[in-house]
Amino acid sequence: MTTTTDLIDITPDMIRPKAQAVLRRDGWIQGTYADRRSGKRGVCLVEAIGRAAGLPPFTLARKKLRRADAHLKPQWDAAHNLIDELATHLGRNPENDELTPRWWLTEWNDWCDRTRDQVLAALEPPAVEAA
């Protein structure tokens, strides 16, 4: 059983493979965070990250964490750290982009030519360069 103290040390690298597993299990969609309707079942990249971090569904769709969910702050922060990393790695320029990393990554997920394989690949850990 996972305790609150176990979750304090959650890192983006711990979330990555779990988010991939969520996408493989639940399916990938565009245009909404999650859907369970027949023929359109799945989650977007941001929702997969939230669920992989241990957040309740649609938590990352909010601008801020609700007071009632204050105990989820470590997961919230780790999910947002991963979102920041991914958005930057995928091309978001924080100096010139008015979208928050979460919205930028949501838009990236929803681009019309995006594929499930690209989304899964985005969650791969960055390659470590040899010195």
Protein backbone atom coordinates (compact mmCIF):
# COMPACT_ATOMS: atom_id res chain seq x y z
CA MET A 1 0.00 0.00 0.00
CA THR A 2 1.28 3.49 -0.88
CA THR A 3 1.40 6.01 1.91
CA THR A 4 1.51 9.80 1.76
CA THR A 5 5.18 9.79 2.70
CA ASP A 6 5.95 7.47 -0.23
CA LEU A 7 4.41 9.98 -2.63
CA ILE A 8 6.46 12.95 -1.44
CA ASP A 9 9.47 11.68 -3.38
CA ILE A 10 7.64 11.20 -6.67
CA THR A 11 9.63 12.43 -9.66
CA PRO A 12 8.87 13.06 -13.33
CA ASP A 13 10.97 10.03 -14.27
CA MET A 14 8.73 7.85 -12.10
CA ILE A 15 5.65 9.18 -13.89
CA ARG A 16 6.87 8.67 -17.48
CA PRO A 17 6.49 4.86 -17.73
CA LYS A 18 3.24 4.94 -15.78
CA ALA A 19 1.82 7.54 -18.18
CA GLN A 20 2.80 5.33 -21.11
CA ALA A 21 1.03 2.42 -19.44
CA VAL A 22 -2.11 4.55 -18.93
CA LEU A 23 -2.12 5.48 -22.64
CA ARG A 24 -1.64 1.86 -23.70
CA ARG A 25 -4.33 0.59 -21.34
CA ASP A 26 -6.94 3.33 -21.71
CA GLY A 27 -6.21 4.47 -25.26
CA TRP A 28 -5.17 7.87 -26.61
CA ILE A 29 -7.52 10.63 -27.75
CA GLN A 30 -7.46 14.22 -28.90
CA GLY A 31 -9.77 17.15 -28.25
CA THR A 32 -10.61 16.37 -24.63
CA TYR A 33 -8.81 15.17 -21.52
CA ALA A 34 -10.64 11.86 -21.34
CA ASP A 35 -13.63 10.12 -22.82
CA ARG A 36 -15.39 6.82 -22.17
CA ARG A 37 -18.02 6.97 -24.90
CA SER A 38 -18.28 4.00 -27.19
CA GLY A 39 -15.82 4.34 -30.05
CA LYS A 40 -13.96 7.25 -28.49
CA ARG A 41 -12.42 5.77 -25.37
CA GLY A 42 -9.13 7.19 -24.12
CA VAL A 43 -7.10 9.94 -22.45
CA CYS A 44 -4.88 12.74 -23.72
CA LEU A 45 -1.21 13.09 -22.79
CA VAL A 46 -1.85 15.55 -19.96
CA GLU A 47 -4.57 13.37 -18.43
CA ALA A 48 -2.31 10.31 -18.69
CA ILE A 49 0.39 12.20 -16.79
CA GLY A 50 -2.08 13.18 -14.07
CA ARG A 51 -3.39 9.66 -13.62
CA ALA A 52 0.14 8.24 -13.66
CA ALA A 53 1.09 10.69 -10.91
CA GLY A 54 -1.77 9.40 -8.76
CA LEU A 55 -4.11 12.35 -9.26
CA PRO A 56 -7.87 11.88 -9.62
CA PRO A 57 -9.26 12.20 -13.16
CA PHE A 58 -9.35 15.73 -14.60
CA THR A 59 -7.26 17.22 -11.77
CA LEU A 60 -4.71 18.68 -14.20
CA ALA A 61 -7.52 20.29 -16.19
CA ARG A 62 -7.78 22.81 -13.33
CA LYS A 63 -5.61 25.92 -13.06
CA LYS A 64 -4.76 25.14 -9.47
CA LEU A 65 -5.14 22.38 -6.93
CA ARG A 66 -8.34 22.54 -4.89
CA ARG A 67 -7.99 23.04 -1.13
CA ALA A 68 -9.70 19.71 -0.55
CA ASP A 69 -6.91 18.08 -2.59
CA ALA A 70 -4.01 19.79 -0.77
CA HIS A 71 -2.70 16.36 0.26
CA LEU A 72 -2.02 15.71 -3.46
CA LYS A 73 0.48 18.57 -3.77
CA PRO A 74 3.55 16.30 -4.25
CA GLN A 75 1.85 14.49 -7.13
CA TRP A 76 0.58 17.80 -8.58
CA ASP A 77 4.08 19.30 -8.48
CA ALA A 78 5.73 16.21 -10.01
CA ALA A 79 3.13 16.10 -12.80
CA HIS A 80 3.68 19.78 -13.58
CA ASN A 81 7.46 19.31 -13.51
CA LEU A 82 7.11 16.56 -16.12
CA ILE A 83 4.74 18.70 -18.19
CA ASP A 84 7.31 21.53 -18.10
CA GLU A 85 10.09 19.17 -19.16
CA LEU A 86 8.08 17.66 -22.01
CA ALA A 87 6.83 21.00 -23.34
CA THR A 88 10.37 22.39 -23.39
CA HIS A 89 11.80 19.24 -24.97
CA LEU A 90 9.07 19.25 -27.64
CA GLY A 91 9.71 22.86 -28.63
CA ARG A 92 7.92 25.26 -26.31
CA ASN A 93 9.95 28.43 -25.91
CA PRO A 94 9.07 29.91 -22.51
CA GLU A 95 10.39 33.31 -23.63
CA ASN A 96 8.05 33.58 -26.63
CA ASP A 97 5.07 31.40 -25.80
CA GLU A 98 2.09 32.83 -23.95
CA LEU A 99 0.58 29.40 -23.27
CA THR A 100 1.38 27.72 -19.99
CA PRO A 101 3.31 24.45 -20.38
CA ARG A 102 0.12 22.50 -19.58
CA TRP A 103 -1.89 24.27 -22.29
CA TRP A 104 1.01 24.06 -24.73
CA LEU A 105 1.29 20.30 -24.18
CA THR A 106 -2.49 19.94 -24.53
CA GLU A 107 -2.31 21.76 -27.87
CA TRP A 108 0.65 19.60 -28.92
CA ASN A 109 -1.39 16.47 -28.14
CA ASP A 110 -4.28 17.79 -30.21
CA TRP A 111 -2.40 18.82 -33.37
CA CYS A 112 -4.18 17.21 -36.30
CA ASP A 113 -1.20 15.19 -37.51
CA ARG A 114 -0.20 13.91 -34.06
CA THR A 115 -0.05 10.15 -33.58
CA ARG A 116 -0.29 7.86 -30.59
CA ASP A 117 3.25 6.67 -31.25
CA GLN A 118 4.56 10.25 -31.10
CA VAL A 119 2.81 10.80 -27.78
CA LEU A 120 4.25 7.58 -26.34
CA ALA A 121 7.72 8.51 -27.65
CA ALA A 122 7.48 11.95 -26.01
CA LEU A 123 7.28 10.18 -22.65
CA GLU A 124 10.56 8.32 -23.19
CA PRO A 125 13.31 9.52 -20.85
CA PRO A 126 15.70 11.96 -22.52
CA ALA A 127 18.87 10.40 -23.84
CA VAL A 128 21.91 10.96 -21.65
CA GLU A 129 24.76 12.44 -23.65
CA ALA A 130 28.20 10.92 -23.20
CA ALA A 131 30.85 13.28 -21.86
